[in-house]
């Protein structure tokens, strides 16, 4: 029986954690709600980089590291791959496929914040769905723009920015109402590939609203890459028999 350390982040991670017994560990960075109804152990907080994670792996007798963090959590994924390698255990990763633009989509990819701000110049009512990152730039909002930010929790905005605290899954009717009420003329999004947040892209397509997409970071190679929750659960069932 292998002992699993599951690094959480994406929605699928909680579904995986619900299948794990008390000998396994579900690890969370601490952002968002911490589940209290799991059979497995739950650990909240960081490790102090790859070396700290490797020490934890060895101290806890972990046999398999499963990285189910967000596709944009590149540093955590790199630490996971490095720690697993130095500890002599396999590292698997759940990496759901990215969204692909469809007919009538107007997607504009950017690599970083500087490119994003340049791409935003023609617009007036952007909707940011990047998490907390835009909060660091509230004092940089141009006078002609009003920002709507959606994050997991409500944070203070200012006279040209309102922050909405909301958690997916989001329904298309609610997204339509949000775009209409705020008169959104551009959507800013990470390409998470999540079905829980995909309705915003459908509404942007319906309304002809451009989408500025932050490119996915390059993630490290792992021993096994899994694309879906079902594939991951089947693989875990086989290795823990």
Protein backbone atom coordinates (compact mmCIF):
# COMPACT_ATOMS: atom_id res chain seq x y z
CA UNK A 1 0.00 0.00 0.00
CA UNK A 2 1.56 3.27 -1.13
CA UNK A 3 1.28 6.37 1.04
CA UNK A 4 0.19 9.32 -1.08
CA UNK A 5 0.87 13.03 -0.65
CA UNK A 6 -1.69 14.95 -2.69
CA UNK A 7 -0.88 18.59 -3.41
CA UNK A 8 -4.21 20.33 -3.88
CA UNK A 9 -5.22 23.37 -5.83
CA UNK A 10 -7.67 22.54 -8.60
CA UNK A 11 -11.26 21.45 -8.06
CA UNK A 12 -10.47 17.86 -8.95
CA UNK A 13 -8.03 17.61 -6.02
CA UNK A 14 -10.84 17.64 -3.47
CA UNK A 15 -12.64 14.86 -5.34
CA UNK A 16 -9.42 12.83 -5.22
CA UNK A 17 -8.97 13.58 -1.52
CA UNK A 18 -12.45 12.24 -0.80
CA UNK A 19 -11.31 8.82 -2.01
CA UNK A 20 -8.19 8.68 0.17
CA UNK A 21 -7.97 6.85 3.48
CA UNK A 22 -6.42 8.03 6.78
CA UNK A 23 -2.88 7.00 5.83
CA UNK A 24 -2.75 9.55 3.02
CA UNK A 25 -2.21 13.33 3.19
CA UNK A 26 -4.03 16.11 1.35
CA UNK A 27 -1.87 19.24 1.32
CA UNK A 28 -3.24 22.76 0.75
CA UNK A 29 -1.47 26.09 0.50
CA UNK A 30 -4.12 27.68 2.71
CA UNK A 31 -5.93 29.82 0.14
CA UNK A 32 -9.67 29.33 0.37
CA UNK A 33 -11.75 27.07 2.56
CA UNK A 34 -10.17 24.04 4.22
CA UNK A 35 -12.34 20.90 4.06
CA UNK A 36 -13.19 19.32 7.41
CA UNK A 37 -15.08 16.22 6.27
CA UNK A 38 -12.27 14.11 4.81
CA UNK A 39 -11.03 10.73 5.96
CA UNK A 40 -7.47 11.47 4.89
CA UNK A 41 -5.14 13.78 6.79
CA UNK A 42 -5.20 17.46 5.80
CA UNK A 43 -2.11 19.67 5.95
CA UNK A 44 -2.27 23.42 5.41
CA UNK A 45 0.72 25.61 4.62
CA UNK A 46 3.94 25.63 2.64
CA UNK A 47 7.08 23.53 2.99
CA UNK A 48 9.88 26.01 2.50
CA UNK A 49 10.68 25.14 -1.10
CA UNK A 50 11.77 21.89 -2.70
CA UNK A 51 14.20 21.02 0.11
CA UNK A 52 11.53 21.41 2.78
CA UNK A 53 9.09 19.33 0.77
CA UNK A 54 11.70 16.60 0.29
CA UNK A 55 12.33 16.52 4.03
CA UNK A 56 8.60 16.15 4.66
CA UNK A 57 8.34 13.34 2.11
CA UNK A 58 11.13 11.40 3.78
CA UNK A 59 9.92 12.07 7.33
CA UNK A 60 6.37 10.95 6.54
CA UNK A 61 7.34 7.92 4.47
CA UNK A 62 5.56 9.16 1.36
CA UNK A 63 5.64 6.71 -1.58
CA UNK A 64 3.91 8.78 -4.26
CA UNK A 65 3.56 12.52 -4.79
CA UNK A 66 0.52 13.63 -6.79
CA UNK A 67 0.61 17.24 -7.98
CA UNK A 68 -2.95 18.48 -8.49
CA UNK A 69 -2.15 22.16 -8.12
CA UNK A 70 -3.37 24.92 -10.43
CA UNK A 71 -1.87 24.98 -13.96
CA UNK A 72 -0.39 28.41 -13.15
CA UNK A 73 1.26 27.30 -9.89
CA UNK A 74 4.52 26.71 -11.75
CA UNK A 75 6.85 27.15 -8.77
CA UNK A 76 4.94 24.67 -6.64
CA UNK A 77 4.94 22.14 -9.49
CA UNK A 78 8.67 22.60 -9.96
CA UNK A 79 9.25 22.11 -6.23
CA UNK A 80 7.13 18.96 -6.31
CA UNK A 81 9.03 17.42 -9.21
CA UNK A 82 12.40 18.31 -7.68
CA UNK A 83 11.47 17.04 -4.21
CA UNK A 84 10.10 13.76 -5.52
CA UNK A 85 13.22 13.16 -7.61
CA UNK A 86 15.60 13.88 -4.73
CA UNK A 87 13.52 11.64 -2.44
CA UNK A 88 13.50 8.76 -4.88
CA UNK A 89 9.72 8.56 -5.30
CA UNK A 90 7.54 9.02 -8.40
CA UNK A 91 5.79 12.29 -9.09
CA UNK A 92 2.49 12.24 -10.92
CA UNK A 93 0.62 15.33 -12.05
CA UNK A 94 -3.01 15.98 -12.92
CA UNK A 95 -2.81 18.48 -15.77
CA UNK A 96 -6.18 19.13 -17.29
CA UNK A 97 -6.09 20.29 -20.92
CA UNK A 98 -6.24 23.99 -21.69
CA UNK A 99 -9.30 25.59 -23.24
CA UNK A 100 -9.14 25.98 -27.00
CA UNK A 101 -10.62 28.97 -28.83
CA UNK A 102 -13.76 28.25 -30.83
CA UNK A 103 -15.43 29.87 -33.79
CA UNK A 104 -16.36 33.51 -33.06
CA UNK A 105 -13.86 33.70 -30.18
CA UNK A 106 -11.56 36.72 -30.08
CA UNK A 107 -8.66 35.59 -27.90
CA UNK A 108 -5.54 37.66 -27.37
CA UNK A 109 -2.73 35.89 -25.52
CA UNK A 110 -0.31 37.76 -23.27
CA UNK A 111 2.72 36.51 -21.37
CA UNK A 112 2.80 38.83 -18.37
CA UNK A 113 1.23 41.83 -16.65
CA UNK A 114 3.04 44.40 -18.80
CA UNK A 115 1.67 42.86 -22.01
CA UNK A 116 -1.77 42.61 -20.43
CA UNK A 117 -1.90 46.32 -19.58
CA UNK A 118 -0.93 47.21 -23.16
CA UNK A 119 -3.67 44.93 -24.51
CA UNK A 120 -6.22 46.57 -22.17
CA UNK A 121 -5.70 50.12 -23.45
CA UNK A 122 -8.62 50.19 -25.94
CA UNK A 123 -11.15 49.01 -23.33
CA UNK A 124 -13.14 50.67 -20.56
CA UNK A 125 -14.93 47.99 -18.51
CA UNK A 126 -12.67 44.94 -18.01
CA UNK A 127 -13.59 41.90 -15.95
CA UNK A 128 -10.55 40.31 -14.30
CA UNK A 129 -10.73 36.63 -13.35
CA UNK A 130 -7.04 36.18 -12.49
CA UNK A 131 -7.41 35.77 -8.73
CA UNK A 132 -5.71 38.29 -6.46
CA UNK A 133 -2.90 39.49 -8.73
CA UNK A 134 -4.72 42.63 -10.02
CA UNK A 135 -5.12 43.85 -6.42
CA UNK A 136 -1.45 44.83 -6.48
CA UNK A 137 -2.17 47.30 -9.30
CA UNK A 138 -5.26 49.17 -8.13
CA UNK A 139 -3.37 52.47 -8.01
CA UNK A 140 -2.43 52.05 -11.69
CA UNK A 141 -5.98 51.98 -13.09
CA UNK A 142 -6.31 54.53 -15.93
CA UNK A 143 -8.88 57.26 -15.36
CA UNK A 144 -10.97 56.08 -18.31
CA UNK A 145 -11.30 52.51 -16.99
CA UNK A 146 -13.40 50.85 -14.28
CA UNK A 147 -12.25 47.39 -13.23
CA UNK A 148 -14.37 44.53 -11.96
CA UNK A 149 -12.31 41.87 -10.18
CA UNK A 150 -13.59 38.44 -9.25
CA UNK A 151 -11.66 36.48 -6.64
CA UNK A 152 -12.36 33.74 -4.10
CA UNK A 153 -12.84 36.29 -1.33
CA UNK A 154 -13.94 39.92 -1.16
CA UNK A 155 -11.06 42.42 -0.91
CA UNK A 156 -11.09 46.21 -0.68
CA UNK A 157 -11.26 47.95 -4.05
CA UNK A 158 -11.27 51.68 -4.73
CA UNK A 159 -13.30 54.30 -6.59
CA UNK A 160 -12.40 52.72 -9.96
CA UNK A 161 -12.49 49.06 -8.96
CA UNK A 162 -14.99 46.73 -7.33
CA UNK A 163 -13.95 43.29 -6.08
CA UNK A 164 -16.49 40.48 -6.16
CA UNK A 165 -15.95 37.48 -3.90
CA UNK A 166 -17.35 34.37 -5.57
CA UNK A 167 -16.51 30.69 -6.00
CA UNK A 168 -17.36 28.44 -8.91
CA UNK A 169 -18.94 26.59 -10.43
CA UNK A 170 -20.54 29.51 -12.24
CA UNK A 171 -23.77 29.18 -14.21
CA UNK A 172 -24.11 30.76 -17.62
CA UNK A 173 -27.21 32.73 -16.56
CA UNK A 174 -25.27 34.38 -13.77
CA UNK A 175 -22.38 35.18 -16.06
CA UNK A 176 -24.74 36.75 -18.58
CA UNK A 177 -26.22 38.93 -15.86
CA UNK A 178 -22.75 39.99 -14.67
CA UNK A 179 -21.57 40.96 -18.17
CA UNK A 180 -24.78 42.90 -18.81
CA UNK A 181 -24.95 44.70 -15.46
CA UNK A 182 -21.27 45.72 -15.52
CA UNK A 183 -21.25 46.38 -19.28
CA UNK A 184 -18.08 44.30 -19.58
CA UNK A 185 -16.22 45.00 -22.82
CA UNK A 186 -13.21 42.69 -22.27
CA UNK A 187 -12.57 39.57 -20.18
CA UNK A 188 -9.18 38.77 -18.66
CA UNK A 189 -8.63 35.13 -17.77
CA UNK A 190 -6.10 32.44 -17.08
CA UNK A 191 -6.48 29.35 -19.26
CA UNK A 192 -7.30 27.03 -16.38
CA UNK A 193 -9.24 24.52 -18.46
CA UNK A 194 -11.83 24.23 -15.67
CA UNK A 195 -15.44 23.41 -16.54
CA UNK A 196 -16.48 25.30 -13.38
CA UNK A 197 -15.36 28.64 -14.83
CA UNK A 198 -15.85 28.00 -18.55
CA UNK A 199 -19.29 29.71 -18.80
CA UNK A 200 -17.63 33.14 -18.79
CA UNK A 201 -16.00 32.23 -22.10
CA UNK A 202 -19.37 31.21 -23.53
CA UNK A 203 -20.85 34.58 -22.57
CA UNK A 204 -17.89 36.46 -24.03
CA UNK A 205 -18.44 34.52 -27.26
CA UNK A 206 -22.15 35.33 -27.29
CA UNK A 207 -21.57 39.03 -26.74
CA UNK A 208 -18.56 39.38 -29.03
CA UNK A 209 -16.38 40.41 -26.08
CA UNK A 210 -12.62 39.89 -26.57
CA UNK A 211 -10.76 37.67 -24.10
CA UNK A 212 -7.24 38.48 -22.99
CA UNK A 213 -5.72 35.14 -22.01
CA UNK A 214 -2.67 34.83 -19.79
CA UNK A 215 -0.49 32.10 -21.29
CA UNK A 216 0.09 28.96 -19.27
CA UNK A 217 3.57 28.59 -17.78
CA UNK A 218 5.84 25.73 -18.79
CA UNK A 219 5.59 22.98 -16.16
CA UNK A 220 8.28 20.43 -15.28
CA UNK A 221 8.33 16.89 -16.58
CA UNK A 222 6.93 14.24 -14.25
CA UNK A 223 6.85 10.45 -14.12
CA UNK A 224 3.21 10.28 -15.14
CA UNK A 225 0.92 12.98 -16.51
CA UNK A 226 -2.84 12.53 -16.09
CA UNK A 227 -5.46 14.58 -17.92
CA UNK A 228 -8.76 13.88 -16.19
CA UNK A 229 -10.18 13.11 -12.78
CA UNK A 230 -11.37 9.69 -13.95
CA UNK A 231 -7.95 8.77 -15.32
CA UNK A 232 -6.32 9.88 -12.06
CA UNK A 233 -8.70 7.92 -9.84
CA UNK A 234 -8.20 4.78 -11.93
CA UNK A 235 -4.42 5.14 -11.75
CA UNK A 236 -4.53 5.62 -7.97
CA UNK A 237 -6.82 2.63 -7.52
CA UNK A 238 -4.32 0.47 -9.38
CA UNK A 239 -1.24 1.65 -7.52
CA UNK A 240 -2.76 1.38 -4.04
CA UNK A 241 -4.17 -2.14 -4.40
